[in-house]
């Protein structure tokens, strides 16, 4: 296991468009008995309700969503590019039917009881503040439904306070 050190929000110098949209992140939730992770490339960070937050989008069909709903906490892990193959695998295989974390060759760690993927170079530990179901009737652009939800597998947007940020 790697040793992670906490760091302050003022020290964060990142490009979230690159970090989330292009490099991807792993959303991990659960507890020490059972956890799951998934690859995500939709989300962001900012300030909401006077708190430093992230927002992530999780499809209804994703197994990780069950863990987020139950625990109300999750982590975001940001591995570097050498883990791209593992991240593709973690995004394509369901943890419902197999132990995809072990099969991918990555490792779980726990920070204050919240699971994270140890191969991350940076970890955010998050507490859910709100959730919003994304529904077809809410789109202002009709092409969104056709482009992203033809199968009816909609997202839930979670806004979560960043409780701690850690780096190797």
Protein backbone atom coordinates (compact mmCIF):
# COMPACT_ATOMS: atom_id res chain seq x y z
CA UNK A 1 0.00 0.00 0.00
CA UNK A 2 1.11 3.51 -0.75
CA UNK A 3 1.47 6.24 1.80
CA UNK A 4 -0.83 9.19 1.16
CA UNK A 5 -0.43 12.61 2.71
CA UNK A 6 -3.28 15.08 3.17
CA UNK A 7 -3.02 18.32 1.27
CA UNK A 8 -4.85 21.61 1.40
CA UNK A 9 -7.36 22.91 -1.15
CA UNK A 10 -5.13 25.93 -1.82
CA UNK A 11 -2.39 23.57 -3.03
CA UNK A 12 -4.58 21.99 -5.72
CA UNK A 13 -3.30 22.92 -9.17
CA UNK A 14 -5.07 20.75 -11.72
CA UNK A 15 -6.94 20.93 -14.99
CA UNK A 16 -10.27 19.23 -14.21
CA UNK A 17 -11.12 18.91 -17.91
CA UNK A 18 -7.99 16.81 -18.43
CA UNK A 19 -8.08 15.03 -15.09
CA UNK A 20 -11.73 13.92 -15.29
CA UNK A 21 -12.68 14.04 -18.94
CA UNK A 22 -9.54 12.70 -20.56
CA UNK A 23 -7.51 10.89 -17.86
CA UNK A 24 -10.64 9.58 -16.05
CA UNK A 25 -11.25 8.81 -12.41
CA UNK A 26 -12.32 5.81 -10.37
CA UNK A 27 -15.43 6.22 -8.20
CA UNK A 28 -15.21 3.76 -5.31
CA UNK A 29 -17.81 3.15 -2.61
CA UNK A 30 -18.67 0.56 -0.01
CA UNK A 31 -17.19 -0.53 3.28
CA UNK A 32 -14.52 -2.91 4.53
CA UNK A 33 -16.78 -5.92 3.93
CA UNK A 34 -17.69 -5.14 0.30
CA UNK A 35 -16.76 -2.35 -2.09
CA UNK A 36 -16.97 -1.64 -5.79
CA UNK A 37 -15.36 0.79 -8.18
CA UNK A 38 -16.13 2.15 -11.62
CA UNK A 39 -14.41 4.34 -14.16
CA UNK A 40 -15.98 7.74 -14.82
CA UNK A 41 -15.26 10.63 -17.13
CA UNK A 42 -18.21 12.89 -16.33
CA UNK A 43 -18.04 15.22 -13.36
CA UNK A 44 -16.55 18.38 -12.01
CA UNK A 45 -15.47 20.32 -8.95
CA UNK A 46 -16.30 23.66 -7.47
CA UNK A 47 -17.98 25.37 -4.56
CA UNK A 48 -21.60 24.78 -3.55
CA UNK A 49 -23.41 25.70 -0.35
CA UNK A 50 -20.16 27.17 0.97
CA UNK A 51 -18.33 23.84 0.64
CA UNK A 52 -15.66 22.48 -1.69
CA UNK A 53 -17.49 19.86 -3.73
CA UNK A 54 -17.30 17.40 -6.57
CA UNK A 55 -20.20 16.34 -8.70
CA UNK A 56 -20.31 12.94 -10.33
CA UNK A 57 -22.81 11.24 -12.60
CA UNK A 58 -23.64 7.57 -12.03
CA UNK A 59 -25.97 5.57 -14.28
CA UNK A 60 -28.88 3.72 -12.68
CA UNK A 61 -27.49 0.37 -13.87
CA UNK A 62 -24.10 0.73 -12.19
CA UNK A 63 -23.38 -1.53 -9.23
CA UNK A 64 -21.33 1.22 -7.56
CA UNK A 65 -24.51 3.31 -7.29
CA UNK A 66 -25.93 0.83 -4.77
CA UNK A 67 -22.90 1.38 -2.52
CA UNK A 68 -23.08 5.18 -2.81
CA UNK A 69 -26.78 5.11 -1.95
CA UNK A 70 -26.16 2.94 1.11
CA UNK A 71 -22.98 4.51 2.49
CA UNK A 72 -23.44 8.14 1.33
CA UNK A 73 -19.65 8.37 1.01
CA UNK A 74 -17.27 7.54 -1.82
CA UNK A 75 -13.78 8.28 -3.05
CA UNK A 76 -12.39 9.52 -6.31
CA UNK A 77 -9.02 8.04 -7.26
CA UNK A 78 -6.92 9.50 -10.06
CA UNK A 79 -4.37 6.98 -11.37
CA UNK A 80 -1.80 8.05 -13.92
CA UNK A 81 -1.75 6.93 -17.55
CA UNK A 82 0.09 3.67 -16.95
CA UNK A 83 -3.19 2.29 -15.49
CA UNK A 84 -5.28 3.05 -18.58
CA UNK A 85 -5.83 -0.64 -19.40
CA UNK A 86 -6.99 -1.34 -15.84
CA UNK A 87 -9.31 1.67 -15.92
CA UNK A 88 -10.88 0.49 -19.18
CA UNK A 89 -11.47 -2.92 -17.61
CA UNK A 90 -12.98 -1.41 -14.44
CA UNK A 91 -15.35 0.64 -16.58
CA UNK A 92 -16.46 -2.28 -18.74
CA UNK A 93 -16.91 -5.16 -16.27
CA UNK A 94 -19.57 -5.34 -13.56
CA UNK A 95 -18.60 -6.02 -9.97
CA UNK A 96 -21.95 -7.75 -9.49
CA UNK A 97 -20.77 -10.84 -11.33
CA UNK A 98 -17.03 -10.94 -10.68
CA UNK A 99 -14.30 -9.56 -8.44
CA UNK A 100 -13.21 -6.97 -10.97
CA UNK A 101 -10.92 -5.11 -8.56
CA UNK A 102 -8.73 -8.20 -8.05
CA UNK A 103 -8.99 -9.17 -11.71
CA UNK A 104 -7.79 -5.71 -12.76
CA UNK A 105 -4.79 -6.07 -10.45
CA UNK A 106 -5.56 -2.93 -8.44
CA UNK A 107 -5.88 -2.69 -4.68
CA UNK A 108 -8.34 -1.24 -2.19
CA UNK A 109 -7.25 0.97 0.64
CA UNK A 110 -9.42 2.70 3.24
CA UNK A 111 -9.32 6.27 4.44
CA UNK A 112 -11.60 6.88 7.43
CA UNK A 113 -13.57 3.77 6.42
CA UNK A 114 -14.06 4.93 2.82
CA UNK A 115 -12.56 2.65 0.16
CA UNK A 116 -10.26 4.01 -2.52
CA UNK A 117 -8.06 2.55 -5.24
CA UNK A 118 -4.47 2.55 -4.01
CA UNK A 119 -3.02 3.02 -7.50
CA UNK A 120 -4.34 6.59 -7.56
CA UNK A 121 -1.79 9.37 -7.38
CA UNK A 122 -4.45 11.57 -5.78
CA UNK A 123 -7.50 10.59 -3.70
CA UNK A 124 -10.58 12.64 -2.76
CA UNK A 125 -12.77 11.33 0.08
CA UNK A 126 -16.32 12.61 -0.35
CA UNK A 127 -19.62 12.81 1.56
CA UNK A 128 -22.87 13.06 -0.41
CA UNK A 129 -24.82 16.28 0.07
CA UNK A 130 -27.50 15.85 -2.59
CA UNK A 131 -28.60 13.78 -5.53
CA UNK A 132 -30.63 14.69 -8.57
CA UNK A 133 -32.15 12.18 -10.94
CA UNK A 134 -31.56 13.22 -14.54
CA UNK A 135 -34.80 12.82 -16.47
CA UNK A 136 -35.64 13.21 -20.13
CA UNK A 137 -38.19 15.96 -19.46
CA UNK A 138 -35.45 18.13 -17.91
CA UNK A 139 -33.35 18.41 -21.09
CA UNK A 140 -33.30 21.79 -22.75
CA UNK A 141 -31.50 20.25 -25.74
CA UNK A 142 -33.51 17.41 -27.28
CA UNK A 143 -30.40 15.81 -28.77
CA UNK A 144 -29.12 14.84 -25.29
CA UNK A 145 -31.65 12.05 -24.87
CA UNK A 146 -31.01 10.65 -28.34
CA UNK A 147 -27.24 10.86 -27.98
CA UNK A 148 -26.70 9.61 -24.43
CA UNK A 149 -29.86 7.85 -23.19
CA UNK A 150 -31.32 5.90 -26.09
CA UNK A 151 -31.32 2.81 -23.83
CA UNK A 152 -33.10 4.63 -20.97
CA UNK A 153 -30.19 4.13 -18.54
CA UNK A 154 -30.21 7.59 -16.98
CA UNK A 155 -27.73 9.19 -14.59
CA UNK A 156 -28.05 10.43 -11.05
CA UNK A 157 -25.94 13.50 -10.27
CA UNK A 158 -24.38 13.43 -6.81
CA UNK A 159 -22.99 16.60 -5.27
CA UNK A 160 -20.54 15.64 -2.54
CA UNK A 161 -18.39 17.60 -0.13
CA UNK A 162 -14.69 16.83 -0.38
CA UNK A 163 -13.83 15.79 3.18
CA UNK A 164 -10.15 15.27 2.43
CA UNK A 165 -7.65 15.28 -0.41
CA UNK A 166 -4.60 13.03 -0.33
CA UNK A 167 -1.59 12.61 -2.58
CA UNK A 168 1.38 10.27 -2.71
